[in-house]
Amino acid sequence: MVQSSTTRDSGAAAGDAVPGRAWLMLALATVGFAVNFWAWALLSPLGPRFKDSLELSSFQQSLLVAVPVVVGSLGRVPVGALTDRFGGRVMFPLVSAATVLPVLYLGLAGHSSLAALLAGGFFLGVGGTAFAVGVPFVGAWFPPERRGLAIGVFGMGMGGTAISALSTVKLVDAHGMANPFLLTAAVLVAYAVLAALLLRDAPGRTVPTEPLSRRLADTLRLGVTWQASALYAVAFGGYVAFSVYLPTYLKTGYGLTQADAANRMAGFVLLAVAMRPIGGWLSDRLGPVRVLAVALGAVLAGATVQALTPALAPVGTIAFLTMAAALGAGSGAVFALVALLAPANKVGSVTGVVGAAGGLGGFVPPLVMGSLYGAYGSYAVGLVLLGLVAAAALTFTETGVRTALTRRAAVARPR
């Protein structure tokens, strides 16, 4: 059964006007999320290049782009709990500064072998934990009825992967392998300094006093933690999987050039990014269950069409863009659900676990797709599996999640 807090100490009480500083904090957090995700996604556009230069197998290439995803995902659990304790003012500069070292290592020395790339990619995963910092930080500044929109806007920072897709290959071609990594490191340092100077936690932010282990144990007992984790593994996991593997898919399956494939991946990412706040906004008005149901139905339809390997123009492009829009809106809806149901002093912890599930949901598909292509010479089976997972998530949304929300509304209703 979903448990929820009966009181919410936040920067703005329900019904109050949102203060101007809240929007400034939202903007700063969104920029930080984008910068860290830019760093987190640096290896993905270069996957085909490393495959050719290091003579990697399809599975090895998939592993290379997936390692930062899984580390960044698992790291969200402790980082989310630490954000509950120390706040975003401390954690945003800390995560950004910590990401600088693996970025410099990969650019200057860590790209000459698969082992070096995997080691650098492991620590590059730190950048992916920024998500677990931003959700509780932003949520504390906004009243419950505005959190879906606010967290959706923050979620647009995942567009940092588009920055990487559009710029990394071009910078390497023009100036050498180190250039995009040096540029990203400089931006991370600048943001860490800016965040340390300007970020402020919301007044009245609820600070937990329990030990970290107890808070994590309590978080895992919440129904919303598991419900949101399952849905986010599909919605955000699908987005992450496509954002890291789509260049390889398009190059291998359709014979596109590396640059063309990266540009098309950027279009996928940008549409998903634009739809995330829309998903949150619609969830504030229509409820997250309705938004999730429509989004998951669209993913099922798009995956089914693409499993037939249609021509890229126009059918394949429409299928991919439909899935991009649906995955973005669905990701926004999941965290509207979290903002609605999670206790105020556990939002960071819940976000960490849910974010980890989403990232892990993005870790598995590239490995599966690479393995299936190596075995069968086709991606069709992988897309069929995506459709089946979306169908299962849709059924769960319309049954278990809808029932939990109904029970929560009954408990919250004045008697």
Protein backbone atom coordinates (compact mmCIF):
# COMPACT_ATOMS: atom_id res chain seq x y z
CA MET A 1 0.00 0.00 0.00
CA VAL A 2 1.24 3.46 -0.84
CA GLN A 3 2.23 5.51 2.15
CA SER A 4 2.31 9.26 2.03
CA SER A 5 3.16 12.10 4.31
CA THR A 6 0.31 13.96 5.94
CA THR A 7 2.38 17.10 6.22
CA ARG A 8 4.85 18.56 3.78
CA ASP A 9 7.41 21.09 4.90
CA SER A 10 8.48 22.83 1.74
CA GLY A 11 9.55 26.19 0.49
CA ALA A 12 6.00 27.07 -0.43
CA ALA A 13 2.86 25.73 1.13
CA ALA A 14 0.08 24.43 -1.03
CA GLY A 15 -1.89 27.30 -2.52
CA ASP A 16 0.84 29.89 -1.95
CA ALA A 17 2.41 31.80 -4.82
CA VAL A 18 5.73 30.35 -5.87
CA PRO A 19 8.53 32.77 -4.87
CA GLY A 20 10.81 34.15 -7.56
CA ARG A 21 13.83 32.55 -5.93
CA ALA A 22 12.25 29.13 -6.45
CA TRP A 23 12.32 29.65 -10.22
CA LEU A 24 15.96 30.78 -10.03
CA MET A 25 16.87 27.66 -8.06
CA LEU A 26 14.99 25.56 -10.61
CA ALA A 27 16.94 27.16 -13.45
CA LEU A 28 20.30 26.62 -11.72
CA ALA A 29 19.47 23.01 -10.89
CA THR A 30 18.37 22.33 -14.48
CA VAL A 31 21.63 23.74 -15.83
CA GLY A 32 23.57 21.56 -13.38
CA PHE A 33 21.65 18.48 -14.43
CA ALA A 34 22.32 19.24 -18.11
CA VAL A 35 26.04 19.81 -17.58
CA ASN A 36 26.49 16.60 -15.62
CA PHE A 37 24.45 14.60 -18.13
CA TRP A 38 26.56 16.08 -20.92
CA ALA A 39 29.60 14.61 -19.21
CA TRP A 40 27.80 11.35 -18.43
CA ALA A 41 27.02 10.80 -22.14
CA LEU A 42 30.43 11.61 -23.64
CA LEU A 43 31.27 8.02 -24.54
CA SER A 44 28.04 7.18 -26.36
CA PRO A 45 28.58 9.21 -29.58
CA LEU A 46 32.13 7.83 -29.81
CA GLY A 47 31.05 4.21 -29.46
CA PRO A 48 31.18 3.44 -33.22
CA ARG A 49 34.60 5.11 -33.48
CA PHE A 50 36.02 3.06 -30.61
CA LYS A 51 34.48 -0.08 -32.10
CA ASP A 52 36.44 0.48 -35.32
CA SER A 53 39.70 1.72 -33.79
CA LEU A 54 39.88 -0.90 -31.02
CA GLU A 55 38.18 -3.68 -33.02
CA LEU A 56 35.43 -4.21 -30.44
CA SER A 57 32.62 -6.74 -30.72
CA SER A 58 28.99 -5.58 -30.64
CA PHE A 59 28.73 -6.68 -27.01
CA GLN A 60 31.95 -4.88 -26.02
CA GLN A 61 30.73 -1.68 -27.65
CA SER A 62 27.41 -2.00 -25.81
CA LEU A 63 29.25 -2.58 -22.53
CA LEU A 64 31.40 0.51 -23.11
CA VAL A 65 28.43 2.86 -23.38
CA ALA A 66 26.43 1.06 -20.67
CA VAL A 67 28.99 1.14 -17.83
CA PRO A 68 28.55 4.87 -17.01
CA VAL A 69 24.79 4.27 -17.04
CA VAL A 70 24.80 1.51 -14.44
CA VAL A 71 27.29 3.27 -12.14
CA GLY A 72 25.38 6.54 -12.36
CA SER A 73 22.18 4.66 -11.64
CA LEU A 74 23.33 2.73 -8.60
CA GLY A 75 25.10 5.83 -7.29
CA ARG A 76 21.78 7.67 -7.14
CA VAL A 77 20.70 5.64 -4.13
CA PRO A 78 23.35 6.95 -1.68
CA VAL A 79 23.49 10.36 -3.38
CA GLY A 80 19.72 10.79 -3.01
CA ALA A 81 19.92 9.88 0.68
CA LEU A 82 22.87 12.26 1.17
CA THR A 83 20.87 15.03 -0.50
CA ASP A 84 18.06 14.52 2.01
CA ARG A 85 20.67 15.02 4.74
CA PHE A 86 22.95 17.75 3.37
CA GLY A 87 20.83 19.46 0.70
CA GLY A 88 21.41 20.34 -2.92
CA ARG A 89 23.54 23.36 -2.02
CA VAL A 90 26.27 20.96 -0.89
CA MET A 91 25.67 18.03 -3.21
CA PHE A 92 25.40 19.78 -6.60
CA PRO A 93 28.88 21.37 -6.44
CA LEU A 94 30.31 18.15 -4.98
CA VAL A 95 28.95 15.87 -7.72
CA SER A 96 29.98 18.31 -10.47
CA ALA A 97 33.53 18.64 -9.14
CA ALA A 98 33.88 14.86 -8.72
CA THR A 99 32.89 14.31 -12.35
CA VAL A 100 35.76 16.47 -13.61
CA LEU A 101 38.46 13.87 -12.87
CA PRO A 102 37.13 10.98 -14.99
CA VAL A 103 36.32 13.41 -17.82
CA LEU A 104 39.95 14.63 -17.87
CA TYR A 105 41.26 11.07 -17.59
CA LEU A 106 39.23 9.87 -20.58
CA GLY A 107 40.21 12.83 -22.70
CA LEU A 108 43.92 12.81 -21.94
CA ALA A 109 44.87 9.18 -21.33
CA GLY A 110 41.97 6.77 -20.99
CA HIS A 111 40.91 6.12 -24.57
CA SER A 112 43.70 3.85 -25.84
CA SER A 113 42.22 0.49 -24.78
CA LEU A 114 38.91 -1.06 -23.80
CA ALA A 115 40.11 -1.57 -20.20
CA ALA A 116 41.06 2.12 -19.89
CA LEU A 117 37.73 3.22 -21.34
CA LEU A 118 35.78 0.97 -18.98
CA ALA A 119 37.73 2.28 -15.98
CA GLY A 120 37.10 5.89 -17.00
CA GLY A 121 33.47 5.15 -17.82
CA PHE A 122 32.98 3.62 -14.37
CA PHE A 123 33.90 6.87 -12.61
CA LEU A 124 32.19 8.95 -15.29
CA GLY A 125 28.99 7.46 -13.89
CA VAL A 126 29.22 9.95 -11.01
CA GLY A 127 27.77 12.58 -13.35
CA GLY A 128 24.60 10.53 -13.67
CA THR A 129 23.86 10.84 -9.95
CA ALA A 130 23.05 14.55 -10.34
CA PHE A 131 19.46 13.60 -11.01
CA ALA A 132 19.02 12.34 -7.44
CA VAL A 133 20.29 15.69 -6.17
CA GLY A 134 17.97 17.84 -8.22
CA VAL A 135 14.58 16.22 -7.63
CA PRO A 136 14.42 16.70 -3.84
CA PHE A 137 16.18 20.07 -4.14
CA VAL A 138 13.63 21.39 -6.65
CA GLY A 139 10.64 19.70 -5.04
CA ALA A 140 11.27 21.41 -1.70
CA TRP A 141 10.95 24.82 -3.36
CA PHE A 142 7.48 24.21 -4.85
CA PRO A 143 4.02 23.39 -3.43
CA PRO A 144 2.61 19.92 -4.17
CA GLU A 145 0.29 21.09 -6.96
CA ARG A 146 3.22 22.63 -8.87
CA ARG A 147 5.85 19.95 -8.33
CA GLY A 148 4.94 17.89 -11.39
CA LEU A 149 5.66 20.86 -13.65
CA ALA A 150 8.76 21.94 -11.69
CA ILE A 151 10.35 18.50 -11.66
CA GLY A 152 9.43 18.09 -15.31
CA VAL A 153 11.26 21.31 -16.14
CA PHE A 154 14.24 20.10 -14.13
CA GLY A 155 14.09 16.86 -16.07
CA MET A 156 14.80 18.80 -19.25
CA GLY A 157 18.39 18.76 -18.06
CA MET A 158 18.58 15.25 -19.49
CA GLY A 159 19.01 17.14 -22.75
CA GLY A 160 22.67 17.30 -21.79
CA THR A 161 22.91 14.03 -23.70
CA ALA A 162 21.87 15.94 -26.84
CA ILE A 163 24.70 18.42 -26.31
CA SER A 164 27.08 15.48 -26.26
CA ALA A 165 25.49 13.91 -29.33
CA LEU A 166 25.66 17.11 -31.37
CA SER A 167 29.13 18.25 -30.37
CA THR A 168 31.39 15.35 -29.37
CA VAL A 169 32.07 13.76 -32.77
CA LYS A 170 32.44 17.13 -34.48
CA LEU A 171 34.92 18.37 -31.86
CA VAL A 172 36.96 15.18 -32.11
CA ASP A 173 37.06 15.41 -35.91
CA ALA A 174 38.07 19.06 -35.83
CA HIS A 175 40.44 19.24 -32.88
CA GLY A 176 41.34 15.75 -31.67
CA MET A 177 40.09 13.29 -29.06
CA ALA A 178 40.90 15.41 -26.00
CA ASN A 179 38.94 18.50 -27.06
CA PRO A 180 35.34 17.62 -26.06
CA PHE A 181 36.53 16.22 -22.75
CA LEU A 182 38.57 19.32 -21.90
CA LEU A 183 35.63 21.56 -22.82
CA THR A 184 33.21 19.56 -20.68
CA ALA A 185 35.62 19.56 -17.73
CA ALA A 186 35.90 23.36 -17.93
CA VAL A 187 32.11 23.74 -17.94
CA LEU A 188 31.78 21.39 -14.96
CA VAL A 189 34.31 23.42 -12.97
CA ALA A 190 32.49 26.65 -13.84
CA TYR A 191 29.16 25.20 -12.77
CA ALA A 192 30.56 23.81 -9.51
CA VAL A 193 31.80 27.28 -8.59
CA LEU A 194 28.52 28.92 -9.65
CA ALA A 195 26.46 26.41 -7.67
CA ALA A 196 28.58 26.85 -4.55
CA LEU A 197 28.02 30.61 -4.72
CA LEU A 198 24.34 30.82 -5.70
CA LEU A 199 22.42 27.66 -4.75
CA ARG A 200 20.29 27.81 -1.60
CA ASP A 201 18.15 25.08 -0.09
CA ALA A 202 14.46 25.83 0.44
CA PRO A 203 13.47 27.46 3.74
CA GLY A 204 11.93 24.93 6.08
CA ARG A 205 13.46 21.99 4.23
CA THR A 206 12.82 18.78 6.16
CA VAL A 207 16.17 17.35 7.34
CA PRO A 208 16.09 13.70 8.44
CA THR A 209 17.81 12.77 11.66
CA GLU A 210 17.85 8.97 11.28
CA PRO A 211 21.02 7.15 10.19
CA LEU A 212 21.48 6.62 6.45
CA SER A 213 20.95 2.85 6.68
CA ARG A 214 17.66 3.25 8.51
CA ARG A 215 16.39 5.85 6.05
CA LEU A 216 17.19 3.60 3.12
CA ALA A 217 15.47 0.67 4.82
CA ASP A 218 12.38 2.81 5.49
CA THR A 219 12.42 3.99 1.88
CA LEU A 220 12.43 0.44 0.58
CA ARG A 221 9.32 -0.30 2.66
CA LEU A 222 7.31 2.42 0.91
CA GLY A 223 4.93 1.18 -1.76
CA VAL A 224 5.53 4.22 -3.95
CA THR A 225 9.24 3.38 -4.11
CA TRP A 226 8.62 0.06 -5.87
CA GLN A 227 5.73 1.24 -8.00
CA ALA A 228 7.59 4.27 -9.31
CA SER A 229 10.79 2.24 -9.76
CA ALA A 230 9.06 -0.28 -12.01
CA LEU A 231 7.52 2.43 -14.17
CA TYR A 232 10.66 4.54 -14.33
CA ALA A 233 12.72 1.54 -15.37
CA VAL A 234 10.54 1.42 -18.49
CA ALA A 235 10.05 5.14 -19.17
CA PHE A 236 13.43 6.65 -18.35
CA GLY A 237 15.23 3.37 -18.94
CA GLY A 238 13.90 3.32 -22.47
CA TYR A 239 15.05 6.90 -23.01
CA VAL A 240 18.54 6.18 -21.68
CA ALA A 241 18.82 3.00 -23.74
CA PHE A 242 17.99 4.80 -26.96
CA SER A 243 20.13 7.82 -26.11
CA VAL A 244 23.23 5.65 -25.71
CA TYR A 245 22.53 2.95 -28.30
CA LEU A 246 20.59 4.70 -31.08
CA PRO A 247 23.75 5.84 -32.95
CA THR A 248 24.93 2.23 -33.07
CA TYR A 249 21.46 0.98 -34.07
CA LEU A 250 21.15 3.47 -36.93
CA LYS A 251 24.69 2.93 -38.17
CA THR A 252 24.45 -0.85 -38.07
CA GLY A 253 20.81 -1.33 -39.03
CA TYR A 254 20.40 1.43 -41.61
CA GLY A 255 23.97 2.14 -42.75
CA LEU A 256 24.00 5.79 -41.64
CA THR A 257 27.25 7.63 -41.12
CA GLN A 258 28.43 8.22 -37.55
CA ALA A 259 27.65 11.94 -37.73
CA ASP A 260 24.18 11.42 -39.24
CA ALA A 261 23.32 8.78 -36.66
CA ALA A 262 24.46 11.08 -33.82
CA ASN A 263 22.37 13.97 -35.20
CA ARG A 264 19.26 11.78 -35.39
CA MET A 265 19.86 10.57 -31.85
CA ALA A 266 20.03 14.22 -30.77
CA GLY A 267 16.61 14.81 -32.35
CA PHE A 268 15.22 11.85 -30.39
CA VAL A 269 16.70 13.24 -27.17
CA LEU A 270 15.45 16.79 -27.73
CA LEU A 271 11.87 15.65 -28.31
CA ALA A 272 11.96 13.46 -25.19
CA VAL A 273 13.40 16.38 -23.21
CA ALA A 274 10.69 18.77 -24.45
CA MET A 275 7.95 16.30 -23.51
CA ARG A 276 9.16 15.67 -19.97
CA PRO A 277 7.80 18.93 -18.44
CA ILE A 278 4.64 18.49 -20.50
CA GLY A 279 4.21 15.07 -18.93
CA GLY A 280 4.64 16.61 -15.48
CA TRP A 281 2.26 19.48 -16.27
CA LEU A 282 -0.41 17.14 -17.60
CA SER A 283 0.02 14.92 -14.53
CA ASP A 284 -0.68 17.91 -12.26
CA ARG A 285 -3.99 18.38 -14.10
CA LEU A 286 -5.10 14.96 -15.28
CA GLY A 287 -3.30 12.69 -12.86
CA PRO A 288 -0.13 10.66 -13.48
CA VAL A 289 -1.98 7.40 -14.17
CA ARG A 290 -3.73 8.76 -17.25
CA VAL A 291 -0.53 10.27 -18.62
CA LEU A 292 1.42 7.07 -18.00
CA ALA A 293 -1.26 4.93 -19.65
CA VAL A 294 -1.21 6.99 -22.85
CA ALA A 295 2.60 7.16 -22.88
CA LEU A 296 3.09 3.42 -22.41
CA GLY A 297 0.49 2.67 -25.06
CA ALA A 298 2.43 4.87 -27.49
CA VAL A 299 5.69 3.07 -26.67
CA LEU A 300 3.99 -0.26 -27.32
CA ALA A 301 2.75 0.97 -30.70
CA GLY A 302 6.10 2.48 -31.73
CA ALA A 303 8.11 -0.59 -30.73
CA THR A 304 5.72 -2.89 -32.59
CA VAL A 305 6.04 -0.87 -35.79
CA GLN A 306 9.82 -0.59 -35.56
CA ALA A 307 10.19 -4.32 -34.92
CA LEU A 308 9.13 -4.78 -38.55
CA THR A 309 12.22 -2.75 -39.59
CA PRO A 310 10.37 -0.33 -41.87
CA ALA A 311 12.11 2.21 -44.09
CA LEU A 312 13.64 4.96 -41.96
CA ALA A 313 11.80 7.66 -43.89
CA PRO A 314 9.08 8.21 -42.96
CA VAL A 315 7.74 5.23 -40.98
CA GLY A 316 10.85 4.42 -38.91
CA THR A 317 11.40 8.06 -38.05
CA ILE A 318 7.75 8.46 -36.97
CA ALA A 319 7.99 5.33 -34.81
CA PHE A 320 11.13 6.54 -33.06
CA LEU A 321 9.81 10.06 -32.51
CA THR A 322 6.56 8.67 -31.12
CA MET A 323 8.53 6.61 -28.63
CA ALA A 324 10.71 9.63 -27.77
CA ALA A 325 7.69 11.79 -26.98
CA ALA A 326 6.06 9.02 -24.97
CA LEU A 327 9.17 8.14 -22.96
CA GLY A 328 9.76 11.81 -22.12
CA ALA A 329 6.17 12.41 -21.01
CA GLY A 330 6.12 9.14 -19.08
CA SER A 331 9.33 10.04 -17.22
CA GLY A 332 7.77 13.34 -16.15
CA ALA A 333 4.62 11.56 -15.00
CA VAL A 334 6.53 9.09 -12.82
CA PHE A 335 8.09 11.87 -10.76
CA ALA A 336 4.80 13.67 -10.51
CA LEU A 337 3.69 10.45 -8.82
CA VAL A 338 6.73 10.51 -6.52
CA ALA A 339 6.20 14.19 -5.63
CA LEU A 340 2.58 13.42 -4.80
CA LEU A 341 3.08 10.34 -2.65
CA ALA A 342 6.57 10.32 -1.12
CA PRO A 343 7.00 11.64 2.45
CA ALA A 344 8.72 15.05 2.41
CA ASN A 345 11.79 13.89 4.35
CA LYS A 346 12.30 10.88 2.09
CA VAL A 347 11.91 12.44 -1.37
CA GLY A 348 15.66 12.27 -1.97
CA SER A 349 15.88 8.67 -0.84
CA VAL A 350 12.89 7.63 -2.95
CA THR A 351 14.27 9.58 -5.89
CA GLY A 352 17.61 7.82 -5.53
CA VAL A 353 16.06 4.35 -5.64
CA VAL A 354 13.65 5.24 -8.46
CA GLY A 355 16.41 6.97 -10.40
CA ALA A 356 18.62 3.91 -9.98
CA ALA A 357 15.85 1.73 -11.36
CA GLY A 358 15.50 4.04 -14.35
CA GLY A 359 19.20 4.01 -15.06
CA LEU A 360 19.40 0.24 -14.69
CA GLY A 361 16.47 0.02 -17.06
CA GLY A 362 18.70 1.80 -19.56
CA PHE A 363 21.71 -0.41 -18.83
CA VAL A 364 20.18 -3.72 -19.85
CA PRO A 365 18.67 -2.96 -23.30
CA PRO A 366 21.94 -1.96 -25.05
CA LEU A 367 23.54 -5.20 -23.88
CA VAL A 368 20.50 -7.19 -24.99
CA MET A 369 20.35 -5.42 -28.37
CA GLY A 370 24.05 -5.93 -28.99
CA SER A 371 23.86 -9.61 -28.05
CA LEU A 372 20.75 -10.24 -30.15
CA TYR A 373 22.20 -8.49 -33.17
CA GLY A 374 25.40 -10.51 -32.81
CA ALA A 375 23.35 -13.73 -32.67
CA TYR A 376 20.65 -13.05 -35.27
CA GLY A 377 21.84 -10.09 -37.34
CA SER A 378 18.61 -8.22 -36.52
CA TYR A 379 17.26 -5.89 -33.85
CA ALA A 380 13.65 -7.02 -34.31
CA VAL A 381 13.58 -9.37 -31.31
CA GLY A 382 14.87 -6.63 -29.02
CA LEU A 383 12.09 -4.26 -30.11
CA VAL A 384 9.48 -6.98 -29.60
CA LEU A 385 10.78 -7.36 -26.05
CA LEU A 386 10.46 -3.59 -25.53
CA GLY A 387 6.85 -3.76 -26.67
CA LEU A 388 6.10 -6.60 -24.26
CA VAL A 389 7.66 -4.71 -21.35
CA ALA A 390 5.62 -1.60 -22.22
CA ALA A 391 2.45 -3.71 -22.32
CA ALA A 392 3.22 -5.17 -18.89
CA ALA A 393 3.89 -1.69 -17.47
CA LEU A 394 0.63 -0.41 -18.95
CA THR A 395 -1.30 -3.23 -17.28
CA PHE A 396 0.42 -2.53 -13.95
CA THR A 397 -0.38 1.19 -14.23
CA GLU A 398 -4.07 0.57 -14.84
CA THR A 399 -4.35 -1.93 -11.99
CA GLY A 400 -1.85 -1.68 -9.14
CA VAL A 401 -0.91 2.00 -9.41
CA ARG A 402 -4.47 3.20 -10.01
CA THR A 403 -5.67 1.21 -6.99
CA ALA A 404 -2.91 2.62 -4.79
CA LEU A 405 -3.77 6.19 -5.77
CA THR A 406 -7.43 5.57 -5.07
CA ARG A 407 -6.58 4.27 -1.60
CA ARG A 408 -4.33 7.24 -0.94
CA ALA A 409 -7.08 9.67 -1.96
CA ALA A 410 -9.52 7.91 0.36
CA VAL A 411 -7.10 8.18 3.30
CA ALA A 412 -6.38 11.86 2.59
CA ARG A 413 -10.08 12.79 2.21
CA PRO A 414 -11.40 14.81 5.23
CA ARG A 415 -13.82 12.82 7.38
